[in-house]
């Protein structure tokens, strides 16, 4: 009976659509990174899990010339959407570079 009531409570629990990527917001030397990324949880669409929507509170960057260069795209690189195929691009946002990266070629060895 306890399990059923707990399950019912968890099913009705409202969770935010996006979160800040705080647990992973550390630099390589263990110090805190001052940049904040808001990422989607995938609660509405599993293909959006880990997708960066805002960087330091902004949904577009202002560092580069041109709108496409200032676009925030990709995941925070800690998680990627499920059921990826070998030919799918892996796109992640690199906050240190304030750019997104896209895999262009995959080399496989067997």
PDB file of N, CA and C in Angstrom:
ATOM      1  N   UNK A   1       0.831  -1.192   0.000  1.00  0.00           N
ATOM      2  CA  UNK A   1       0.000   0.000   0.000  1.00  0.00           C
ATOM      3  C   UNK A   1       0.876   1.256   0.000  1.00  0.00           C
ATOM      4  N   UNK A   2       1.963   1.246   0.782  1.00  0.00           N
ATOM      5  CA  UNK A   2       2.857   2.399   0.827  1.00  0.00           C
ATOM      6  C   UNK A   2       3.467   2.658  -0.543  1.00  0.00           C
ATOM      7  N   UNK A   3       3.898   1.591  -1.227  1.00  0.00           N
ATOM      8  CA  UNK A   3       4.502   1.736  -2.550  1.00  0.00           C
ATOM      9  C   UNK A   3       3.520   2.386  -3.520  1.00  0.00           C
ATOM     10  N   UNK A   4       2.255   1.955  -3.471  1.00  0.00           N
ATOM     11  CA  UNK A   4       1.242   2.511  -4.377  1.00  0.00           C
ATOM     12  C   UNK A   4       1.014   3.994  -4.113  1.00  0.00           C
ATOM     13  N   UNK A   5       0.941   4.381  -2.839  1.00  0.00           N
ATOM     14  CA  UNK A   5       0.711   5.794  -2.533  1.00  0.00           C
ATOM     15  C   UNK A   5       1.938   6.630  -2.892  1.00  0.00           C
ATOM     16  N   UNK A   6       3.133   6.083  -2.691  1.00  0.00           N
ATOM     17  CA  UNK A   6       4.349   6.788  -3.072  1.00  0.00           C
ATOM     18  C   UNK A   6       4.410   6.943  -4.586  1.00  0.00           C
ATOM     19  N   UNK A   7       4.068   5.877  -5.293  1.00  0.00           N
ATOM     20  CA  UNK A   7       4.067   5.932  -6.758  1.00  0.00           C
ATOM     21  C   UNK A   7       3.079   6.984  -7.252  1.00  0.00           C
ATOM     22  N   UNK A   8       1.884   7.022  -6.654  1.00  0.00           N
ATOM     23  CA  UNK A   8       0.884   8.011  -7.040  1.00  0.00           C
ATOM     24  C   UNK A   8       1.405   9.423  -6.766  1.00  0.00           C
ATOM     25  N   UNK A   9       2.057   9.615  -5.625  1.00  0.00           N
ATOM     26  CA  UNK A   9       2.598  10.934  -5.282  1.00  0.00           C
ATOM     27  C   UNK A   9       3.671  11.364  -6.267  1.00  0.00           C
ATOM     28  N   UNK A  10       4.535  10.437  -6.653  1.00  0.00           N
ATOM     29  CA  UNK A  10       5.603  10.773  -7.592  1.00  0.00           C
ATOM     30  C   UNK A  10       5.070  11.052  -8.987  1.00  0.00           C
ATOM     31  N   UNK A  11       4.007  10.352  -9.387  1.00  0.00           N
ATOM     32  CA  UNK A  11       3.426  10.588 -10.706  1.00  0.00           C
ATOM     33  C   UNK A  11       2.843  11.989 -10.811  1.00  0.00           C
ATOM     34  N   UNK A  12       2.323  12.505  -9.721  1.00  0.00           N
ATOM     35  CA  UNK A  12       1.694  13.824  -9.722  1.00  0.00           C
ATOM     36  C   UNK A  12       2.650  14.943  -9.341  1.00  0.00           C
ATOM     37  N   UNK A  13       3.890  14.600  -9.097  1.00  0.00           N
ATOM     38  CA  UNK A  13       4.893  15.596  -8.739  1.00  0.00           C
ATOM     39  C   UNK A  13       5.231  16.452  -9.955  1.00  0.00           C
ATOM     40  N   UNK A  14       5.106  17.733  -9.818  1.00  0.00           N
ATOM     41  CA  UNK A  14       5.432  18.656 -10.907  1.00  0.00           C
ATOM     42  C   UNK A  14       6.910  18.988 -10.838  1.00  0.00           C
ATOM     43  N   UNK A  15       7.609  18.731 -11.924  1.00  0.00           N
ATOM     44  CA  UNK A  15       9.024  19.044 -11.986  1.00  0.00           C
ATOM     45  C   UNK A  15       9.239  20.149 -12.998  1.00  0.00           C
ATOM     46  N   UNK A  16      10.241  20.968 -12.792  1.00  0.00           N
ATOM     47  CA  UNK A  16      10.506  22.035 -13.758  1.00  0.00           C
ATOM     48  C   UNK A  16      10.884  21.451 -15.112  1.00  0.00           C
ATOM     49  N   UNK A  17      10.516  22.179 -16.156  1.00  0.00           N
ATOM     50  CA  UNK A  17      10.812  21.754 -17.522  1.00  0.00           C
ATOM     51  C   UNK A  17      12.305  21.830 -17.805  1.00  0.00           C
ATOM     52  N   UNK A  18      12.989  22.739 -17.143  1.00  0.00           N
ATOM     53  CA  UNK A  18      14.428  22.874 -17.354  1.00  0.00           C
ATOM     54  C   UNK A  18      15.117  23.097 -16.012  1.00  0.00           C
ATOM     55  N   UNK A  19      16.410  22.830 -15.987  1.00  0.00           N
ATOM     56  CA  UNK A  19      17.202  23.000 -14.774  1.00  0.00           C
ATOM     57  C   UNK A  19      18.524  23.653 -15.137  1.00  0.00           C
ATOM     58  N   UNK A  20      19.205  24.163 -14.122  1.00  0.00           N
ATOM     59  CA  UNK A  20      20.563  24.641 -14.343  1.00  0.00           C
ATOM     60  C   UNK A  20      21.497  23.451 -14.224  1.00  0.00           C
ATOM     61  N   UNK A  21      22.492  23.425 -15.035  1.00  0.00           N
ATOM     62  CA  UNK A  21      23.436  22.314 -15.080  1.00  0.00           C
ATOM     63  C   UNK A  21      24.473  22.462 -13.961  1.00  0.00           C
ATOM     64  N   UNK A  22      24.007  22.701 -12.742  1.00  0.00           N
ATOM     65  CA  UNK A  22      24.898  23.007 -11.626  1.00  0.00           C
ATOM     66  C   UNK A  22      25.803  21.861 -11.184  1.00  0.00           C
ATOM     67  N   UNK A  23      25.315  20.614 -11.064  1.00  0.00           N
ATOM     68  CA  UNK A  23      26.222  19.571 -10.572  1.00  0.00           C
ATOM     69  C   UNK A  23      27.431  19.351 -11.473  1.00  0.00           C
ATOM     70  N   UNK A  24      27.291  19.665 -12.731  1.00  0.00           N
ATOM     71  CA  UNK A  24      28.378  19.451 -13.675  1.00  0.00           C
ATOM     72  C   UNK A  24      29.094  20.746 -14.009  1.00  0.00           C
ATOM     73  N   UNK A  25      28.785  21.787 -13.269  1.00  0.00           N
ATOM     74  CA  UNK A  25      29.301  23.110 -13.582  1.00  0.00           C
ATOM     75  C   UNK A  25      30.656  23.344 -12.915  1.00  0.00           C
ATOM     76  N   UNK A  26      31.553  22.385 -13.062  1.00  0.00           N
ATOM     77  CA  UNK A  26      32.893  22.511 -12.499  1.00  0.00           C
ATOM     78  C   UNK A  26      33.920  22.536 -13.616  1.00  0.00           C
ATOM     79  N   UNK A  27      34.967  23.277 -13.398  1.00  0.00           N
ATOM     80  CA  UNK A  27      36.052  23.283 -14.362  1.00  0.00           C
ATOM     81  C   UNK A  27      36.955  22.088 -14.095  1.00  0.00           C
ATOM     82  N   UNK A  28      37.894  21.865 -14.952  1.00  0.00           N
ATOM     83  CA  UNK A  28      38.746  20.680 -14.839  1.00  0.00           C
ATOM     84  C   UNK A  28      39.548  20.645 -13.546  1.00  0.00           C
ATOM     85  N   UNK A  29      39.903  21.780 -13.012  1.00  0.00           N
ATOM     86  CA  UNK A  29      40.698  21.776 -11.781  1.00  0.00           C
ATOM     87  C   UNK A  29      39.829  21.742 -10.528  1.00  0.00           C
ATOM     88  N   UNK A  30      38.520  21.532 -10.696  1.00  0.00           N
ATOM     89  CA  UNK A  30      37.627  21.388  -9.558  1.00  0.00           C
ATOM     90  C   UNK A  30      37.041  22.688  -9.041  1.00  0.00           C
ATOM     91  N   UNK A  31      37.406  23.822  -9.618  1.00  0.00           N
ATOM     92  CA  UNK A  31      36.831  25.089  -9.183  1.00  0.00           C
ATOM     93  C   UNK A  31      35.500  25.312  -9.885  1.00  0.00           C
ATOM     94  N   UNK A  32      34.661  26.102  -9.262  1.00  0.00           N
ATOM     95  CA  UNK A  32      33.339  26.364  -9.832  1.00  0.00           C
ATOM     96  C   UNK A  32      33.452  27.219 -11.082  1.00  0.00           C
ATOM     97  N   UNK A  33      32.629  26.889 -12.050  1.00  0.00           N
ATOM     98  CA  UNK A  33      32.541  27.662 -13.280  1.00  0.00           C
ATOM     99  C   UNK A  33      31.473  28.725 -13.072  1.00  0.00           C
ATOM    100  N   UNK A  34      31.761  29.965 -13.371  1.00  0.00           N
ATOM    101  CA  UNK A  34      30.803  31.045 -13.141  1.00  0.00           C
ATOM    102  C   UNK A  34      29.719  31.096 -14.204  1.00  0.00           C
ATOM    103  N   UNK A  35      29.907  30.404 -15.315  1.00  0.00           N
ATOM    104  CA  UNK A  35      28.895  30.371 -16.358  1.00  0.00           C
ATOM    105  C   UNK A  35      27.768  29.437 -15.955  1.00  0.00           C
ATOM    106  N   UNK A  36      26.527  29.826 -16.304  1.00  0.00           N
ATOM    107  CA  UNK A  36      25.369  28.998 -15.989  1.00  0.00           C
ATOM    108  C   UNK A  36      24.678  28.594 -17.277  1.00  0.00           C
ATOM    109  N   UNK A  37      24.374  27.319 -17.382  1.00  0.00           N
ATOM    110  CA  UNK A  37      23.627  26.808 -18.520  1.00  0.00           C
ATOM    111  C   UNK A  37      22.286  26.291 -18.032  1.00  0.00           C
ATOM    112  N   UNK A  38      21.226  26.679 -18.704  1.00  0.00           N
ATOM    113  CA  UNK A  38      19.913  26.118 -18.419  1.00  0.00           C
ATOM    114  C   UNK A  38      19.662  25.023 -19.448  1.00  0.00           C
ATOM    115  N   UNK A  39      19.365  23.826 -18.959  1.00  0.00           N
ATOM    116  CA  UNK A  39      19.185  22.683 -19.850  1.00  0.00           C
ATOM    117  C   UNK A  39      17.803  22.063 -19.648  1.00  0.00           C
ATOM    118  N   UNK A  40      17.285  21.468 -20.719  1.00  0.00           N
ATOM    119  CA  UNK A  40      15.987  20.804 -20.650  1.00  0.00           C
ATOM    120  C   UNK A  40      16.135  19.424 -20.027  1.00  0.00           C
ATOM    121  N   UNK A  41      15.096  19.002 -19.332  1.00  0.00           N
ATOM    122  CA  UNK A  41      15.094  17.704 -18.664  1.00  0.00           C
ATOM    123  C   UNK A  41      14.575  16.588 -19.565  1.00  0.00           C
ATOM    124  N   UNK A  42      13.948  16.945 -20.673  1.00  0.00           N
ATOM    125  CA  UNK A  42      13.362  15.929 -21.538  1.00  0.00           C
ATOM    126  C   UNK A  42      12.005  15.469 -21.056  1.00  0.00           C
ATOM    127  N   UNK A  43      11.374  16.230 -20.165  1.00  0.00           N
ATOM    128  CA  UNK A  43      10.081  15.832 -19.607  1.00  0.00           C
ATOM    129  C   UNK A  43       8.950  15.952 -20.618  1.00  0.00           C
ATOM    130  N   UNK A  44       9.077  16.829 -21.599  1.00  0.00           N
ATOM    131  CA  UNK A  44       8.047  16.967 -22.627  1.00  0.00           C
ATOM    132  C   UNK A  44       8.423  16.220 -23.901  1.00  0.00           C
ATOM    133  N   UNK A  45       9.701  16.148 -24.210  1.00  0.00           N
ATOM    134  CA  UNK A  45      10.190  15.440 -25.387  1.00  0.00           C
ATOM    135  C   UNK A  45      11.552  14.851 -25.038  1.00  0.00           C
ATOM    136  N   UNK A  46      11.653  13.534 -25.081  1.00  0.00           N
ATOM    137  CA  UNK A  46      12.901  12.864 -24.699  1.00  0.00           C
ATOM    138  C   UNK A  46      14.075  13.295 -25.569  1.00  0.00           C
ATOM    139  N   UNK A  47      13.817  13.739 -26.784  1.00  0.00           N
ATOM    140  CA  UNK A  47      14.898  14.169 -27.671  1.00  0.00           C
ATOM    141  C   UNK A  47      15.509  15.495 -27.230  1.00  0.00           C
ATOM    142  N   UNK A  48      14.875  16.175 -26.277  1.00  0.00           N
ATOM    143  CA  UNK A  48      15.389  17.445 -25.766  1.00  0.00           C
ATOM    144  C   UNK A  48      16.231  17.291 -24.499  1.00  0.00           C
ATOM    145  N   UNK A  49      16.414  16.069 -24.001  1.00  0.00           N
ATOM    146  CA  UNK A  49      17.136  15.882 -22.744  1.00  0.00           C
ATOM    147  C   UNK A  49      18.564  16.428 -22.865  1.00  0.00           C
ATOM    148  N   UNK A  50      18.937  17.271 -21.924  1.00  0.00           N
ATOM    149  CA  UNK A  50      20.274  17.860 -21.901  1.00  0.00           C
ATOM    150  C   UNK A  50      20.472  19.044 -22.826  1.00  0.00           C
ATOM    151  N   UNK A  51      19.462  19.412 -23.593  1.00  0.00           N
ATOM    152  CA  UNK A  51      19.587  20.511 -24.558  1.00  0.00           C
ATOM    153  C   UNK A  51      19.736  21.849 -23.825  1.00  0.00           C
ATOM    154  N   UNK A  52      20.756  22.595 -24.177  1.00  0.00           N
ATOM    155  CA  UNK A  52      20.998  23.905 -23.566  1.00  0.00           C
ATOM    156  C   UNK A  52      20.040  24.916 -24.185  1.00  0.00           C
ATOM    157  N   UNK A  53      19.290  25.622 -23.333  1.00  0.00           N
ATOM    158  CA  UNK A  53      18.360  26.643 -23.819  1.00  0.00           C
ATOM    159  C   UNK A  53      18.833  28.052 -23.496  1.00  0.00           C
ATOM    160  N   UNK A  54      19.603  28.187 -22.416  1.00  0.00           N
ATOM    161  CA  UNK A  54      20.111  29.509 -22.037  1.00  0.00           C
ATOM    162  C   UNK A  54      21.531  29.383 -21.515  1.00  0.00           C
ATOM    163  N   UNK A  55      22.305  30.414 -21.772  1.00  0.00           N
ATOM    164  CA  UNK A  55      23.670  30.492 -21.264  1.00  0.00           C
ATOM    165  C   UNK A  55      23.799  31.825 -20.550  1.00  0.00           C
ATOM    166  N   UNK A  56      24.084  31.781 -19.256  1.00  0.00           N
ATOM    167  CA  UNK A  56      24.141  32.984 -18.412  1.00  0.00           C
ATOM    168  C   UNK A  56      22.871  33.820 -18.531  1.00  0.00           C
ATOM    169  N   UNK A  57      21.719  33.126 -18.578  1.00  0.00           N
ATOM    170  CA  UNK A  57      20.422  33.792 -18.600  1.00  0.00           C
ATOM    171  C   UNK A  57      19.973  34.297 -19.957  1.00  0.00           C
ATOM    172  N   UNK A  58      20.743  34.085 -20.991  1.00  0.00           N
ATOM    173  CA  UNK A  58      20.391  34.585 -22.325  1.00  0.00           C
ATOM    174  C   UNK A  58      20.179  33.419 -23.280  1.00  0.00           C
ATOM    175  N   UNK A  59      19.181  33.561 -24.176  1.00  0.00           N
ATOM    176  CA  UNK A  59      18.927  32.494 -25.142  1.00  0.00           C
ATOM    177  C   UNK A  59      19.700  32.673 -26.443  1.00  0.00           C
ATOM    178  N   UNK A  60      20.452  33.755 -26.558  1.00  0.00           N
ATOM    179  CA  UNK A  60      21.353  33.983 -27.696  1.00  0.00           C
ATOM    180  C   UNK A  60      22.626  34.628 -27.169  1.00  0.00           C
ATOM    181  N   UNK A  61      23.705  34.388 -27.865  1.00  0.00           N
ATOM    182  CA  UNK A  61      24.977  35.000 -27.491  1.00  0.00           C
ATOM    183  C   UNK A  61      25.140  36.330 -28.208  1.00  0.00           C
ATOM    184  N   UNK A  62      26.102  37.122 -27.769  1.00  0.00           N
ATOM    185  CA  UNK A  62      26.367  38.410 -28.419  1.00  0.00           C
ATOM    186  C   UNK A  62      27.865  38.597 -28.672  1.00  0.00           C
ATOM    187  N   UNK A  63      28.600  37.480 -28.707  1.00  0.00           N
ATOM    188  CA  UNK A  63      30.050  37.554 -28.871  1.00  0.00           C
ATOM    189  C   UNK A  63      30.492  37.612 -30.322  1.00  0.00           C
ATOM    190  N   UNK A  64      29.712  37.024 -31.215  1.00  0.00           N
ATOM    191  CA  UNK A  64      30.155  36.778 -32.577  1.00  0.00           C
ATOM    192  C   UNK A  64      29.377  37.619 -33.580  1.00  0.00           C
ATOM    193  N   UNK A  65      29.965  37.827 -34.738  1.00  0.00           N
ATOM    194  CA  UNK A  65      29.282  38.538 -35.819  1.00  0.00           C
ATOM    195  C   UNK A  65      28.357  37.547 -36.514  1.00  0.00           C
ATOM    196  N   UNK A  66      27.109  37.903 -36.644  1.00  0.00           N
ATOM    197  CA  UNK A  66      26.159  37.030 -37.327  1.00  0.00           C
ATOM    198  C   UNK A  66      25.279  36.265 -36.365  1.00  0.00           C
ATOM    199  N   UNK A  67      24.012  36.140 -36.744  1.00  0.00           N
ATOM    200  CA  UNK A  67      23.032  35.495 -35.876  1.00  0.00           C
ATOM    201  C   UNK A  67      23.303  33.998 -35.692  1.00  0.00           C
ATOM    202  N   UNK A  68      23.691  33.318 -36.759  1.00  0.00           N
ATOM    203  CA  UNK A  68      23.928  31.875 -36.661  1.00  0.00           C
ATOM    204  C   UNK A  68      25.064  31.562 -35.688  1.00  0.00           C
ATOM    205  N   UNK A  69      26.091  32.384 -35.686  1.00  0.00           N
ATOM    206  CA  UNK A  69      27.228  32.163 -34.782  1.00  0.00           C
ATOM    207  C   UNK A  69      26.843  32.369 -33.322  1.00  0.00           C
ATOM    208  N   UNK A  70      25.844  33.181 -33.064  1.00  0.00           N
ATOM    209  CA  UNK A  70      25.407  33.469 -31.702  1.00  0.00           C
ATOM    210  C   UNK A  70      24.299  32.538 -31.214  1.00  0.00           C
ATOM    211  N   UNK A  71      23.949  31.542 -32.005  1.00  0.00           N
ATOM    212  CA  UNK A  71      22.903  30.600 -31.635  1.00  0.00           C
ATOM    213  C   UNK A  71      23.429  29.604 -30.608  1.00  0.00           C
ATOM    214  N   UNK A  72      22.596  29.303 -29.624  1.00  0.00           N
ATOM    215  CA  UNK A  72      22.926  28.283 -28.631  1.00  0.00           C
ATOM    216  C   UNK A  72      22.282  26.986 -29.101  1.00  0.00           C
ATOM    217  N   UNK A  73      23.111  25.982 -29.385  1.00  0.00           N
ATOM    218  CA  UNK A  73      22.618  24.693 -29.870  1.00  0.00           C
ATOM    219  C   UNK A  73      23.325  23.570 -29.139  1.00  0.00           C
ATOM    220  N   UNK A  74      22.674  22.433 -29.066  1.00  0.00           N
ATOM    221  CA  UNK A  74      23.299  21.233 -28.535  1.00  0.00           C
ATOM    222  C   UNK A  74      23.027  20.986 -27.066  1.00  0.00           C
ATOM    223  N   UNK A  75      23.624  19.920 -26.557  1.00  0.00           N
ATOM    224  CA  UNK A  75      23.453  19.545 -25.158  1.00  0.00           C
ATOM    225  C   UNK A  75      24.602  20.111 -24.324  1.00  0.00           C
ATOM    226  N   UNK A  76      24.539  19.866 -23.023  1.00  0.00           N
ATOM    227  CA  UNK A  76      25.627  20.316 -22.143  1.00  0.00           C
ATOM    228  C   UNK A  76      26.778  19.305 -22.120  1.00  0.00           C
ATOM    229  N   UNK A  77      26.726  18.300 -22.948  1.00  0.00           N
ATOM    230  CA  UNK A  77      27.723  17.238 -23.152  1.00  0.00           C
ATOM    231  C   UNK A  77      27.796  16.225 -22.005  1.00  0.00           C
ATOM    232  N   UNK A  78      26.923  16.325 -21.007  1.00  0.00           N
ATOM    233  CA  UNK A  78      26.890  15.312 -19.957  1.00  0.00           C
ATOM    234  C   UNK A  78      25.893  14.216 -20.290  1.00  0.00           C
ATOM    235  N   UNK A  79      24.939  14.522 -21.179  1.00  0.00           N
ATOM    236  CA  UNK A  79      23.912  13.561 -21.568  1.00  0.00           C
ATOM    237  C   UNK A  79      23.447  13.915 -22.975  1.00  0.00           C
ATOM    238  N   UNK A  80      23.034  12.906 -23.701  1.00  0.00           N
ATOM    239  CA  UNK A  80      22.555  13.096 -25.067  1.00  0.00           C
ATOM    240  C   UNK A  80      21.205  12.412 -25.222  1.00  0.00           C
ATOM    241  N   UNK A  81      20.413  12.800 -26.215  1.00  0.00           N
ATOM    242  CA  UNK A  81      19.103  12.170 -26.408  1.00  0.00           C
ATOM    243  C   UNK A  81      19.231  10.658 -26.604  1.00  0.00           C
ATOM    244  N   UNK A  82      18.213   9.916 -26.194  1.00  0.00           N
ATOM    245  CA  UNK A  82      18.262   8.458 -26.337  1.00  0.00           C
ATOM    246  C   UNK A  82      18.093   8.017 -27.787  1.00  0.00           C
ATOM    247  N   UNK A  83      18.439   6.777 -28.037  1.00  0.00           N
ATOM    248  CA  UNK A  83      18.226   6.118 -29.329  1.00  0.00           C
ATOM    249  C   UNK A  83      18.910   6.830 -30.485  1.00  0.00           C
ATOM    250  N   UNK A  84      20.111   7.319 -30.248  1.00  0.00           N
ATOM    251  CA  UNK A  84      20.877   7.952 -31.321  1.00  0.00           C
ATOM    252  C   UNK A  84      21.396   6.885 -32.281  1.00  0.00           C
ATOM    253  N   UNK A  85      21.400   7.223 -33.555  1.00  0.00           N
ATOM    254  CA  UNK A  85      21.944   6.323 -34.569  1.00  0.00           C
ATOM    255  C   UNK A  85      23.384   6.720 -34.864  1.00  0.00           C
ATOM    256  N   UNK A  86      24.108   5.807 -35.438  1.00  0.00           N
ATOM    257  CA  UNK A  86      25.512   6.039 -35.754  1.00  0.00           C
ATOM    258  C   UNK A  86      25.694   7.257 -36.655  1.00  0.00           C
ATOM    259  N   UNK A  87      24.755   7.473 -37.574  1.00  0.00           N
ATOM    260  CA  UNK A  87      24.878   8.581 -38.520  1.00  0.00           C
ATOM    261  C   UNK A  87      24.351   9.919 -37.974  1.00  0.00           C
ATOM    262  N   UNK A  88      23.741   9.923 -36.787  1.00  0.00           N
ATOM    263  CA  UNK A  88      23.243  11.169 -36.196  1.00  0.00           C
ATOM    264  C   UNK A  88      24.405  12.046 -35.739  1.00  0.00           C
ATOM    265  N   UNK A  89      24.229  13.337 -35.887  1.00  0.00           N
ATOM    266  CA  UNK A  89      25.234  14.283 -35.404  1.00  0.00           C
ATOM    267  C   UNK A  89      25.194  14.357 -33.883  1.00  0.00           C
ATOM    268  N   UNK A  90      26.339  14.521 -33.278  1.00  0.00           N
ATOM    269  CA  UNK A  90      26.439  14.772 -31.846  1.00  0.00           C
ATOM    270  C   UNK A  90      26.765  16.252 -31.706  1.00  0.00           C
ATOM    271  N   UNK A  91      25.812  17.011 -31.175  1.00  0.00           N
ATOM    272  CA  UNK A  91      25.970  18.457 -31.063  1.00  0.00           C
ATOM    273  C   UNK A  91      25.974  18.822 -29.585  1.00  0.00           C
ATOM    274  N   UNK A  92      26.996  19.569 -29.164  1.00  0.00           N
ATOM    275  CA  UNK A  92      27.046  20.011 -27.777  1.00  0.00           C
ATOM    276  C   UNK A  92      27.493  21.464 -27.724  1.00  0.00           C
ATOM    277  N   UNK A  93      27.066  22.145 -26.678  1.00  0.00           N
ATOM    278  CA  UNK A  93      27.419  23.542 -26.473  1.00  0.00           C
ATOM    279  C   UNK A  93      28.614  23.601 -25.533  1.00  0.00           C
ATOM    280  N   UNK A  94      29.675  24.256 -25.964  1.00  0.00           N
ATOM    281  CA  UNK A  94      30.887  24.405 -25.155  1.00  0.00           C
ATOM    282  C   UNK A  94      30.897  25.812 -24.559  1.00  0.00           C
ATOM    283  N   UNK A  95      30.506  25.920 -23.297  1.00  0.00           N
ATOM    284  CA  UNK A  95      30.423  27.221 -22.647  1.00  0.00           C
ATOM    285  C   UNK A  95      31.748  27.954 -22.571  1.00  0.00           C
ATOM    286  N   UNK A  96      32.852  27.214 -22.431  1.00  0.00           N
ATOM    287  CA  UNK A  96      34.169  27.858 -22.379  1.00  0.00           C
ATOM    288  C   UNK A  96      34.496  28.558 -23.683  1.00  0.00           C
ATOM    289  N   UNK A  97      33.990  28.015 -24.761  1.00  0.00           N
ATOM    290  CA  UNK A  97      34.229  28.612 -26.073  1.00  0.00           C
ATOM    291  C   UNK A  97      33.078  29.501 -26.513  1.00  0.00           C
ATOM    292  N   UNK A  98      31.947  29.393 -25.790  1.00  0.00           N
ATOM    293  CA  UNK A  98      30.720  30.104 -26.162  1.00  0.00           C
ATOM    294  C   UNK A  98      30.321  29.756 -27.591  1.00  0.00           C
ATOM    295  N   UNK A  99      30.494  28.509 -27.956  1.00  0.00           N
ATOM    296  CA  UNK A  99      30.139  28.022 -29.290  1.00  0.00           C
ATOM    297  C   UNK A  99      29.562  26.622 -29.173  1.00  0.00           C
ATOM    298  N   UNK A 100      28.931  26.190 -30.255  1.00  0.00           N
ATOM    299  CA  UNK A 100      28.497  24.807 -30.310  1.00  0.00           C
ATOM    300  C   UNK A 100      29.396  24.047 -31.266  1.00  0.00           C
ATOM    301  N   UNK A 101      29.557  22.776 -31.027  1.00  0.00           N
ATOM    302  CA  UNK A 101      30.387  21.910 -31.858  1.00  0.00           C
ATOM    303  C   UNK A 101      29.518  20.801 -32.428  1.00  0.00           C
ATOM    304  N   UNK A 102      29.824  20.400 -33.635  1.00  0.00           N
ATOM    305  CA  UNK A 102      29.060  19.357 -34.303  1.00  0.00           C
ATOM    306  C   UNK A 102      30.030  18.336 -34.878  1.00  0.00           C
ATOM    307  N   UNK A 103      29.747  17.082 -34.626  1.00  0.00           N
ATOM    308  CA  UNK A 103      30.585  16.024 -35.181  1.00  0.00           C
ATOM    309  C   UNK A 103      30.388  15.981 -36.693  1.00  0.00           C
ATOM    310  N   UNK A 104      31.458  15.998 -37.424  1.00  0.00           N
ATOM    311  CA  UNK A 104      31.382  15.998 -38.876  1.00  0.00           C
ATOM    312  C   UNK A 104      31.697  14.616 -39.432  1.00  0.00           C
ATOM    313  N   UNK A 105      32.631  13.915 -38.844  1.00  0.00           N
ATOM    314  CA  UNK A 105      33.044  12.619 -39.355  1.00  0.00           C
ATOM    315  C   UNK A 105      33.259  11.667 -38.193  1.00  0.00           C
ATOM    316  N   UNK A 106      32.779  10.452 -38.347  1.00  0.00           N
ATOM    317  CA  UNK A 106      32.984   9.439 -37.325  1.00  0.00           C
ATOM    318  C   UNK A 106      33.878   8.352 -37.885  1.00  0.00           C
ATOM    319  N   UNK A 107      34.922   8.036 -37.181  1.00  0.00           N
ATOM    320  CA  UNK A 107      35.812   6.954 -37.587  1.00  0.00           C
ATOM    321  C   UNK A 107      35.595   5.774 -36.656  1.00  0.00           C
ATOM    322  N   UNK A 108      35.339   4.621 -37.230  1.00  0.00           N
ATOM    323  CA  UNK A 108      35.105   3.425 -36.421  1.00  0.00           C
ATOM    324  C   UNK A 108      36.136   2.364 -36.762  1.00  0.00           C
ATOM    325  N   UNK A 109      36.584   1.662 -35.749  1.00  0.00           N
ATOM    326  CA  UNK A 109      37.482   0.538 -35.979  1.00  0.00           C
ATOM    327  C   UNK A 109      36.835  -0.707 -35.418  1.00  0.00           C
ATOM    328  N   UNK A 110      37.049  -1.809 -36.076  1.00  0.00           N
ATOM    329  CA  UNK A 110      36.455  -3.062 -35.585  1.00  0.00           C
ATOM    330  C   UNK A 110      37.534  -4.061 -35.254  1.00  0.00           C
TER     331      UNK A 110
END
